[in-house]
C-alpha atoms as a PDB file:
ATOM      1  CA  UNK A   1      68.645   5.193   6.708  1.00  0.00           C
ATOM      2  CA  UNK A   2      68.596   2.515   8.665  1.00  0.00           C
ATOM      3  CA  UNK A   3      65.065   2.135  10.602  1.00  0.00           C
ATOM      4  CA  UNK A   4      63.581   4.722   8.536  1.00  0.00           C
ATOM      5  CA  UNK A   5      59.709   3.649   8.340  1.00  0.00           C
ATOM      6  CA  UNK A   6      58.315   2.630   4.991  1.00  0.00           C
ATOM      7  CA  UNK A   7      55.553   1.364   3.117  1.00  0.00           C
ATOM      8  CA  UNK A   8      52.050   0.510   4.929  1.00  0.00           C
ATOM      9  CA  UNK A   9      53.662   0.765   8.653  1.00  0.00           C
ATOM     10  CA  UNK A  10      54.899   4.261   7.589  1.00  0.00           C
ATOM     11  CA  UNK A  11      51.385   5.060   5.769  1.00  0.00           C
ATOM     12  CA  UNK A  12      50.276   7.783   8.919  1.00  0.00           C
ATOM     13  CA  UNK A  13      53.468   9.717   8.572  1.00  0.00           C
ATOM     14  CA  UNK A  14      52.219  10.811   5.396  1.00  0.00           C
ATOM     15  CA  UNK A  15      48.885  12.936   6.584  1.00  0.00           C
ATOM     16  CA  UNK A  16      50.151  13.518  10.289  1.00  0.00           C
ATOM     17  CA  UNK A  17      52.125  16.681  10.816  1.00  0.00           C
ATOM     18  CA  UNK A  18      54.050  18.737   8.386  1.00  0.00           C
ATOM     19  CA  UNK A  19      53.451  19.734   4.695  1.00  0.00           C
ATOM     20  CA  UNK A  20      51.114  17.420   2.797  1.00  0.00           C
ATOM     21  CA  UNK A  21      53.240  16.203   0.228  1.00  0.00           C
ATOM     22  CA  UNK A  22      52.070  15.165  -3.424  1.00  0.00           C
ATOM     23  CA  UNK A  23      53.827  13.037  -5.623  1.00  0.00           C
ATOM     24  CA  UNK A  24      53.368  13.688  -9.280  1.00  0.00           C
ATOM     25  CA  UNK A  25      55.111  11.066 -11.635  1.00  0.00           C
ATOM     26  CA  UNK A  26      55.768  12.140 -15.150  1.00  0.00           C
ATOM     27  CA  UNK A  27      55.125   9.563 -18.023  1.00  0.00           C
ATOM     28  CA  UNK A  28      54.972   9.453 -21.785  1.00  0.00           C
ATOM     29  CA  UNK A  29      55.425   6.667 -24.184  1.00  0.00           C
ATOM     30  CA  UNK A  30      57.081   9.078 -26.655  1.00  0.00           C
ATOM     31  CA  UNK A  31      61.288   9.049 -26.248  1.00  0.00           C
ATOM     32  CA  UNK A  32      63.542  10.048 -28.754  1.00  0.00           C
ATOM     33  CA  UNK A  33      66.193   7.057 -27.450  1.00  0.00           C
ATOM     34  CA  UNK A  34      63.508   4.394 -26.294  1.00  0.00           C
ATOM     35  CA  UNK A  35      60.103   4.858 -27.337  1.00  0.00           C
ATOM     36  CA  UNK A  36      57.338   3.149 -25.189  1.00  0.00           C
ATOM     37  CA  UNK A  37      59.495   2.526 -22.180  1.00  0.00           C
ATOM     38  CA  UNK A  38      57.589   3.724 -19.192  1.00  0.00           C
ATOM     39  CA  UNK A  39      55.281   0.405 -20.136  1.00  0.00           C
ATOM     40  CA  UNK A  40      57.812  -2.036 -20.714  1.00  0.00           C
ATOM     41  CA  UNK A  41      57.531  -5.041 -18.634  1.00  0.00           C
ATOM     42  CA  UNK A  42      59.557  -6.139 -15.754  1.00  0.00           C
ATOM     43  CA  UNK A  43      58.916  -9.023 -13.696  1.00  0.00           C
ATOM     44  CA  UNK A  44      55.115  -8.968 -14.288  1.00  0.00           C
ATOM     45  CA  UNK A  45      54.891  -5.271 -13.717  1.00  0.00           C
ATOM     46  CA  UNK A  46      55.343  -2.135 -15.900  1.00  0.00           C
ATOM     47  CA  UNK A  47      58.334   0.459 -15.880  1.00  0.00           C
ATOM     48  CA  UNK A  48      55.620   2.814 -14.566  1.00  0.00           C
ATOM     49  CA  UNK A  49      53.994   0.242 -11.702  1.00  0.00           C
ATOM     50  CA  UNK A  50      57.614  -0.209 -10.213  1.00  0.00           C
ATOM     51  CA  UNK A  51      57.919   3.818  -9.840  1.00  0.00           C
ATOM     52  CA  UNK A  52      54.486   3.874  -8.375  1.00  0.00           C
ATOM     53  CA  UNK A  53      54.828   1.037  -6.101  1.00  0.00           C
ATOM     54  CA  UNK A  54      58.166   2.686  -5.017  1.00  0.00           C
ATOM     55  CA  UNK A  55      56.563   6.188  -4.410  1.00  0.00           C
ATOM     56  CA  UNK A  56      53.720   4.952  -2.355  1.00  0.00           C
ATOM     57  CA  UNK A  57      55.782   2.446  -0.196  1.00  0.00           C
ATOM     58  CA  UNK A  58      57.779   5.769   0.498  1.00  0.00           C
ATOM     59  CA  UNK A  59      55.036   6.145   3.203  1.00  0.00           C
ATOM     60  CA  UNK A  60      55.253   9.915   2.893  1.00  0.00           C
ATOM     61  CA  UNK A  61      52.745  10.795   0.144  1.00  0.00           C
ATOM     62  CA  UNK A  62      49.012  11.953   0.564  1.00  0.00           C
ATOM     63  CA  UNK A  63      48.488  11.745  -2.744  1.00  0.00           C
ATOM     64  CA  UNK A  64      49.595  10.160  -5.922  1.00  0.00           C
ATOM     65  CA  UNK A  65      49.043  11.264  -9.492  1.00  0.00           C
ATOM     66  CA  UNK A  66      50.543  10.142 -13.000  1.00  0.00           C
ATOM     67  CA  UNK A  67      51.062  13.441 -15.231  1.00  0.00           C
ATOM     68  CA  UNK A  68      51.046  12.253 -18.891  1.00  0.00           C
ATOM     69  CA  UNK A  69      50.235  14.187 -22.433  1.00  0.00           C
ATOM     70  CA  UNK A  70      46.759  14.610 -24.351  1.00  0.00           C
ATOM     71  CA  UNK A  71      48.832  12.762 -27.170  1.00  0.00           C
ATOM     72  CA  UNK A  72      46.536   9.832 -28.350  1.00  0.00           C
ATOM     73  CA  UNK A  73      50.076   7.708 -27.746  1.00  0.00           C
ATOM     74  CA  UNK A  74      49.446   8.366 -24.137  1.00  0.00           C
ATOM     75  CA  UNK A  75      46.207   6.645 -24.087  1.00  0.00           C
ATOM     76  CA  UNK A  76      48.398   3.908 -23.147  1.00  0.00           C
ATOM     77  CA  UNK A  77      49.889   5.717 -20.064  1.00  0.00           C
ATOM     78  CA  UNK A  78      46.270   6.926 -18.946  1.00  0.00           C
ATOM     79  CA  UNK A  79      44.904   3.092 -19.028  1.00  0.00           C
ATOM     80  CA  UNK A  80      47.707   1.744 -16.928  1.00  0.00           C
ATOM     81  CA  UNK A  81      47.175   4.145 -14.443  1.00  0.00           C
ATOM     82  CA  UNK A  82      43.299   3.207 -14.386  1.00  0.00           C
ATOM     83  CA  UNK A  83      44.727  -0.538 -14.135  1.00  0.00           C
ATOM     84  CA  UNK A  84      46.783   0.708 -11.131  1.00  0.00           C
ATOM     85  CA  UNK A  85      44.164   2.799  -9.599  1.00  0.00           C
ATOM     86  CA  UNK A  86      46.062   5.715  -9.991  1.00  0.00           C
ATOM     87  CA  UNK A  87      44.795   9.045 -10.800  1.00  0.00           C
ATOM     88  CA  UNK A  88      46.174  10.452 -13.981  1.00  0.00           C
ATOM     89  CA  UNK A  89      46.098  14.224 -15.388  1.00  0.00           C
ATOM     90  CA  UNK A  90      46.801  14.990 -18.489  1.00  0.00           C
ATOM     91  CA  UNK A  91      48.068  17.946 -20.518  1.00  0.00           C
ATOM     92  CA  UNK A  92      50.443  19.450 -22.779  1.00  0.00           C
ATOM     93  CA  UNK A  93      53.102  17.294 -24.559  1.00  0.00           C
ATOM     94  CA  UNK A  94      56.183  19.357 -24.110  1.00  0.00           C
ATOM     95  CA  UNK A  95      55.199  21.999 -21.641  1.00  0.00           C
ATOM     96  CA  UNK A  96      55.897  19.418 -18.686  1.00  0.00           C
ATOM     97  CA  UNK A  97      55.595  22.370 -16.227  1.00  0.00           C
ATOM     98  CA  UNK A  98      52.175  22.934 -17.003  1.00  0.00           C
ATOM     99  CA  UNK A  99      51.311  19.375 -16.909  1.00  0.00           C
ATOM    100  CA  UNK A 100      52.792  19.501 -12.857  1.00  0.00           C
ATOM    101  CA  UNK A 101      50.640  22.697 -11.938  1.00  0.00           C
ATOM    102  CA  UNK A 102      47.781  21.022 -13.847  1.00  0.00           C
ATOM    103  CA  UNK A 103      48.122  17.664 -11.383  1.00  0.00           C
ATOM    104  CA  UNK A 104      48.382  20.083  -8.316  1.00  0.00           C
ATOM    105  CA  UNK A 105      45.606  21.962  -9.135  1.00  0.00           C
ATOM    106  CA  UNK A 106      43.556  18.482  -9.061  1.00  0.00           C
ATOM    107  CA  UNK A 107      45.375  17.117  -6.423  1.00  0.00           C
ATOM    108  CA  UNK A 108      45.980  20.071  -4.078  1.00  0.00           C
ATOM    109  CA  UNK A 109      49.325  19.825  -1.471  1.00  0.00           C
ATOM    110  CA  UNK A 110      52.014  22.081   0.565  1.00  0.00           C
ATOM    111  CA  UNK A 111      54.968  20.639  -1.453  1.00  0.00           C
ATOM    112  CA  UNK A 112      55.280  18.357  -4.482  1.00  0.00           C
ATOM    113  CA  UNK A 113      57.761  15.473  -5.115  1.00  0.00           C
ATOM    114  CA  UNK A 114      58.527  14.976  -8.636  1.00  0.00           C
ATOM    115  CA  UNK A 115      59.216  11.592 -10.464  1.00  0.00           C
ATOM    116  CA  UNK A 116      59.980  10.468 -13.753  1.00  0.00           C
ATOM    117  CA  UNK A 117      58.801   7.086 -14.967  1.00  0.00           C
ATOM    118  CA  UNK A 118      62.074   5.868 -16.305  1.00  0.00           C
ATOM    119  CA  UNK A 119      63.325   5.408 -13.024  1.00  0.00           C
ATOM    120  CA  UNK A 120      62.174   1.389 -12.044  1.00  0.00           C
ATOM    121  CA  UNK A 121      64.650   1.022  -9.413  1.00  0.00           C
ATOM    122  CA  UNK A 122      63.796   3.910  -7.365  1.00  0.00           C
ATOM    123  CA  UNK A 123      64.479   3.238  -3.597  1.00  0.00           C
ATOM    124  CA  UNK A 124      61.482   3.971  -1.481  1.00  0.00           C
ATOM    125  CA  UNK A 125      63.678   4.774   1.789  1.00  0.00           C
ATOM    126  CA  UNK A 126      65.821   7.688  -0.578  1.00  0.00           C
ATOM    127  CA  UNK A 127      62.372   9.140  -0.796  1.00  0.00           C
ATOM    128  CA  UNK A 128      61.405   8.827   2.671  1.00  0.00           C
ATOM    129  CA  UNK A 129      64.905  10.262   3.724  1.00  0.00           C
ATOM    130  CA  UNK A 130      64.422  13.638   1.356  1.00  0.00           C
ATOM    131  CA  UNK A 131      60.902  13.974   2.574  1.00  0.00           C
ATOM    132  CA  UNK A 132      62.146  13.948   6.226  1.00  0.00           C
ATOM    133  CA  UNK A 133      65.068  16.719   5.288  1.00  0.00           C
ATOM    134  CA  UNK A 134      62.291  18.739   3.583  1.00  0.00           C
ATOM    135  CA  UNK A 135      59.965  18.899   6.445  1.00  0.00           C
ATOM    136  CA  UNK A 136      62.763  19.627   8.842  1.00  0.00           C
ATOM    137  CA  UNK A 137      63.983  22.703   7.099  1.00  0.00           C
ATOM    138  CA  UNK A 138      61.065  25.311   7.667  1.00  0.00           C
ATOM    139  CA  UNK A 139      61.003  27.903   4.488  1.00  0.00           C
ATOM    140  CA  UNK A 140      62.771  25.429   2.027  1.00  0.00           C
ATOM    141  CA  UNK A 141      61.711  26.123  -1.613  1.00  0.00           C
ATOM    142  CA  UNK A 142      63.325  23.285  -3.242  1.00  0.00           C
ATOM    143  CA  UNK A 143      65.709  20.221  -1.942  1.00  0.00           C
ATOM    144  CA  UNK A 144      67.023  17.649  -4.381  1.00  0.00           C
ATOM    145  CA  UNK A 145      69.434  14.673  -4.521  1.00  0.00           C
ATOM    146  CA  UNK A 146      71.142  15.770  -7.815  1.00  0.00           C
ATOM    147  CA  UNK A 147      72.575  19.277  -7.008  1.00  0.00           C
ATOM    148  CA  UNK A 148      75.325  17.556  -5.476  1.00  0.00           C
ATOM    149  CA  UNK A 149      75.022  14.302  -7.306  1.00  0.00           C
ATOM    150  CA  UNK A 150      76.305  11.105  -4.959  1.00  0.00           C
ATOM    151  CA  UNK A 151      73.783   8.839  -6.190  1.00  0.00           C
ATOM    152  CA  UNK A 152      73.648   6.887  -9.331  1.00  0.00           C
ATOM    153  CA  UNK A 153      71.290   8.238 -12.113  1.00  0.00           C
ATOM    154  CA  UNK A 154      67.832   7.023 -12.126  1.00  0.00           C
ATOM    155  CA  UNK A 155      67.688   7.043  -8.034  1.00  0.00           C
ATOM    156  CA  UNK A 156      67.401  10.968  -7.407  1.00  0.00           C
ATOM    157  CA  UNK A 157      64.488  12.688  -5.779  1.00  0.00           C
ATOM    158  CA  UNK A 158      63.370  16.118  -5.475  1.00  0.00           C
ATOM    159  CA  UNK A 159      60.988  17.909  -3.734  1.00  0.00           C
ATOM    160  CA  UNK A 160      59.424  21.655  -4.412  1.00  0.00           C
ATOM    161  CA  UNK A 161      57.225  23.701  -2.172  1.00  0.00           C
ATOM    162  CA  UNK A 162      53.866  23.929  -4.059  1.00  0.00           C
ATOM    163  CA  UNK A 163      53.791  27.936  -4.340  1.00  0.00           C
ATOM    164  CA  UNK A 164      57.760  27.772  -5.694  1.00  0.00           C
ATOM    165  CA  UNK A 165      56.331  25.315  -8.216  1.00  0.00           C
ATOM    166  CA  UNK A 166      53.824  27.971  -9.503  1.00  0.00           C
ATOM    167  CA  UNK A 167      56.371  31.061  -9.027  1.00  0.00           C
ATOM    168  CA  UNK A 168      58.592  28.540 -11.719  1.00  0.00           C
ATOM    169  CA  UNK A 169      55.248  28.490 -14.205  1.00  0.00           C
ATOM    170  CA  UNK A 170      55.421  32.062 -14.217  1.00  0.00           C
ATOM    171  CA  UNK A 171      59.024  32.414 -14.467  1.00  0.00           C
ATOM    172  CA  UNK A 172      59.921  29.411 -16.686  1.00  0.00           C
ATOM    173  CA  UNK A 173      60.456  29.335 -20.387  1.00  0.00           C
ATOM    174  CA  UNK A 174      62.253  27.164 -23.044  1.00  0.00           C
ATOM    175  CA  UNK A 175      63.862  23.858 -21.263  1.00  0.00           C
ATOM    176  CA  UNK A 176      63.075  24.979 -18.081  1.00  0.00           C
ATOM    177  CA  UNK A 177      59.278  23.949 -18.763  1.00  0.00           C
ATOM    178  CA  UNK A 178      60.541  20.550 -19.851  1.00  0.00           C
ATOM    179  CA  UNK A 179      62.808  19.951 -16.800  1.00  0.00           C
ATOM    180  CA  UNK A 180      59.781  21.235 -14.593  1.00  0.00           C
ATOM    181  CA  UNK A 181      62.204  22.340 -11.475  1.00  0.00           C
ATOM    182  CA  UNK A 182      65.443  23.455 -13.101  1.00  0.00           C
ATOM    183  CA  UNK A 183      64.580  27.230 -13.170  1.00  0.00           C
ATOM    184  CA  UNK A 184      64.655  26.983  -9.171  1.00  0.00           C
ATOM    185  CA  UNK A 185      68.283  24.928  -8.878  1.00  0.00           C
ATOM    186  CA  UNK A 186      69.585  27.466 -11.666  1.00  0.00           C
ATOM    187  CA  UNK A 187      68.579  30.362  -9.718  1.00  0.00           C
ATOM    188  CA  UNK A 188      69.640  30.010  -5.864  1.00  0.00           C
ATOM    189  CA  UNK A 189      69.214  33.541  -5.745  1.00  0.00           C
ATOM    190  CA  UNK A 190      65.690  33.434  -5.896  1.00  0.00           C
ATOM    191  CA  UNK A 191      64.732  30.174  -4.519  1.00  0.00           C
ATOM    192  CA  UNK A 192      65.847  28.606  -0.749  1.00  0.00           C
ATOM    193  CA  UNK A 193      67.350  25.482  -2.483  1.00  0.00           C
ATOM    194  CA  UNK A 194      69.155  22.303  -0.524  1.00  0.00           C
ATOM    195  CA  UNK A 195      71.366  19.532  -1.725  1.00  0.00           C
ATOM    196  CA  UNK A 196      70.835  16.260  -0.079  1.00  0.00           C
ATOM    197  CA  UNK A 197      73.918  13.917  -0.699  1.00  0.00           C
ATOM    198  CA  UNK A 198      74.440  10.455   0.524  1.00  0.00           C
ATOM    199  CA  UNK A 199      77.645   8.625   1.480  1.00  0.00           C
ATOM    200  CA  UNK A 200      79.401   6.805  -0.333  1.00  0.00           C
ATOM    201  CA  UNK A 201      79.377   8.443  -3.403  1.00  0.00           C
ATOM    202  CA  UNK A 202      77.850   6.026  -6.122  1.00  0.00           C
ATOM    203  CA  UNK A 203      77.207   8.685  -8.896  1.00  0.00           C
ATOM    204  CA  UNK A 204      79.109   6.471 -11.432  1.00  0.00           C
ATOM    205  CA  UNK A 205      76.370   3.817 -11.494  1.00  0.00           C
ATOM    206  CA  UNK A 206      73.877   4.483 -14.209  1.00  0.00           C
ATOM    207  CA  UNK A 207      70.449   3.096 -13.208  1.00  0.00           C
ATOM    208  CA  UNK A 208      67.856   5.107 -15.368  1.00  0.00           C
ATOM    209  CA  UNK A 209      66.130   3.981 -18.479  1.00  0.00           C
ATOM    210  CA  UNK A 210      66.967   6.023 -21.617  1.00  0.00           C
ATOM    211  CA  UNK A 211      68.764   3.332 -24.071  1.00  0.00           C
ATOM    212  CA  UNK A 212      68.642  -0.105 -24.888  1.00  0.00           C
ATOM    213  CA  UNK A 213      71.818  -0.560 -22.999  1.00  0.00           C
ATOM    214  CA  UNK A 214      70.048   0.358 -19.808  1.00  0.00           C
ATOM    215  CA  UNK A 215      67.399  -1.501 -20.356  1.00  0.00           C
ATOM    216  CA  UNK A 216      69.649  -4.777 -20.484  1.00  0.00           C
ATOM    217  CA  UNK A 217      71.236  -3.497 -17.154  1.00  0.00           C
ATOM    218  CA  UNK A 218      67.964  -2.837 -15.752  1.00  0.00           C
ATOM    219  CA  UNK A 219      66.522  -6.115 -16.881  1.00  0.00           C
ATOM    220  CA  UNK A 220      69.741  -8.257 -15.387  1.00  0.00           C
ATOM    221  CA  UNK A 221      68.982  -6.586 -11.856  1.00  0.00           C
ATOM    222  CA  UNK A 222      64.997  -7.384 -12.172  1.00  0.00           C
ATOM    223  CA  UNK A 223      65.983 -11.011 -13.041  1.00  0.00           C
ATOM    224  CA  UNK A 224      68.250 -11.153 -10.107  1.00  0.00           C
ATOM    225  CA  UNK A 225      66.229  -9.535  -7.499  1.00  0.00           C
ATOM    226  CA  UNK A 226      62.554 -10.245  -8.707  1.00  0.00           C
ATOM    227  CA  UNK A 227      59.909  -7.889  -8.198  1.00  0.00           C
ATOM    228  CA  UNK A 228      60.797  -5.760  -5.166  1.00  0.00           C
ATOM    229  CA  UNK A 229      62.127  -2.275  -4.611  1.00  0.00           C
ATOM    230  CA  UNK A 230      65.918  -3.052  -3.807  1.00  0.00           C
ATOM    231  CA  UNK A 231      67.906  -0.636  -1.288  1.00  0.00           C
ATOM    232  CA  UNK A 232      70.391   1.061  -2.673  1.00  0.00           C
ATOM    233  CA  UNK A 233      72.996  -0.274  -0.721  1.00  0.00           C
ATOM    234  CA  UNK A 234      71.962  -3.995  -1.487  1.00  0.00           C
ATOM    235  CA  UNK A 235      72.166  -3.022  -5.151  1.00  0.00           C
ATOM    236  CA  UNK A 236      75.198  -1.331  -5.433  1.00  0.00           C
ATOM    237  CA  UNK A 237      76.975  -4.330  -3.302  1.00  0.00           C
ATOM    238  CA  UNK A 238      75.762  -6.857  -5.773  1.00  0.00           C
ATOM    239  CA  UNK A 239      76.692  -4.812  -9.257  1.00  0.00           C
ATOM    240  CA  UNK A 240      80.110  -3.874  -7.532  1.00  0.00           C
ATOM    241  CA  UNK A 241      80.617  -7.578  -8.543  1.00  0.00           C
ATOM    242  CA  UNK A 242      79.334  -7.685 -11.750  1.00  0.00           C
ATOM    243  CA  UNK A 243      81.844  -5.414 -13.911  1.00  0.00           C
ATOM    244  CA  UNK A 244      79.986  -6.728 -17.265  1.00  0.00           C
ATOM    245  CA  UNK A 245      76.786  -5.598 -16.488  1.00  0.00           C
ATOM    246  CA  UNK A 246      78.116  -2.208 -14.938  1.00  0.00           C
ATOM    247  CA  UNK A 247      79.951  -1.738 -18.267  1.00  0.00           C
ATOM    248  CA  UNK A 248      76.766  -2.206 -20.506  1.00  0.00           C
ATOM    249  CA  UNK A 249      75.639   1.573 -19.974  1.00  0.00           C
ATOM    250  CA  UNK A 250      78.792   3.352 -18.646  1.00  0.00           C
ATOM    251  CA  UNK A 251      79.366   5.031 -21.714  1.00  0.00           C
ATOM    252  CA  UNK A 252      75.984   6.441 -22.255  1.00  0.00           C
ATOM    253  CA  UNK A 253      75.875   9.866 -22.690  1.00  0.00           C
ATOM    254  CA  UNK A 254      73.308  11.922 -20.355  1.00  0.00           C
ATOM    255  CA  UNK A 255      71.474  14.838 -22.152  1.00  0.00           C
ATOM    256  CA  UNK A 256      72.536  18.655 -21.105  1.00  0.00           C
ATOM    257  CA  UNK A 257      69.763  20.454 -19.461  1.00  0.00           C
ATOM    258  CA  UNK A 258      69.515  22.364 -22.230  1.00  0.00           C
ATOM    259  CA  UNK A 259      68.510  19.433 -24.471  1.00  0.00           C
ATOM    260  CA  UNK A 260      64.565  18.793 -24.159  1.00  0.00           C
END
C-alpha cells in the first residue's frame, strides 16, 4: 500500500472514473455488551467521529451516510451526525439491511462500502486498497477482507455492488438482515465474491470495540498515538512490544454469525 493516495489529495478519485462508491456507517446506541459505545469519547472525538474521519480520509467515497435506527435512544446518533456534518438515514432497529437499502435510496451509488461504528482504529489506506481492488475486477458483486481473515478484527473493509445489495434485500432473512452482506458471502454460487488478503497475517489482534476489555485496549492505543488514524503496520509494530495490552481482550469471544 506504499504510495497509495489518501485524504484530500486523493479526493478526486472518488468521483472520476469507475463506480460511484457510497459509504454507509451503521451506528446504534444499543449494544448488548457495551451500550453507547459509538459515542464514547476518544481524544476529543467520538468513536463514530473517528470512523467517519477514516472513511472520508480514504478519498474513495463519493458520498458518506450514517445509518441509524428510528429508536429514540438513537436521537443522540443523529445529533452527532449533525455535529459532524454527515447525512443520517434512520430505519428499522433490527433490520440493518433495510437501513442500508434506505440509505442507498437517499444517496444513490453504484456500490456501497459498509462500515460499522465500533471500529475506531479503522485504517484509511486499507479502505483505499479494497476500493481499488473492487474497481479493478469488472462484474464483481462483493469484496471483503474478512472472507479469508488476515487483518485484525476491527479493521476489515467490505464493498458490495448496489444491485447486489438490493438482491440481498429480496432474498435475505433472519440473521442475514442483521449482518447486511452475509447472505452474499455465504452463497458464492449466487454472487461473484472476492476475498482480499494482506500479509503478514495479523488476525490474532483484536482492535474492534465490543466489550470493556476492548475499550481498555483502544483507549491505550489512542492515549499513545493521539487523535490520528494510525496505519496498521505502525500500530501492529507498536503492539508487538505491548504484550500486556494485547492480553486485555485476547480472550473475548466474537459472536457467531447466527447471533444478532
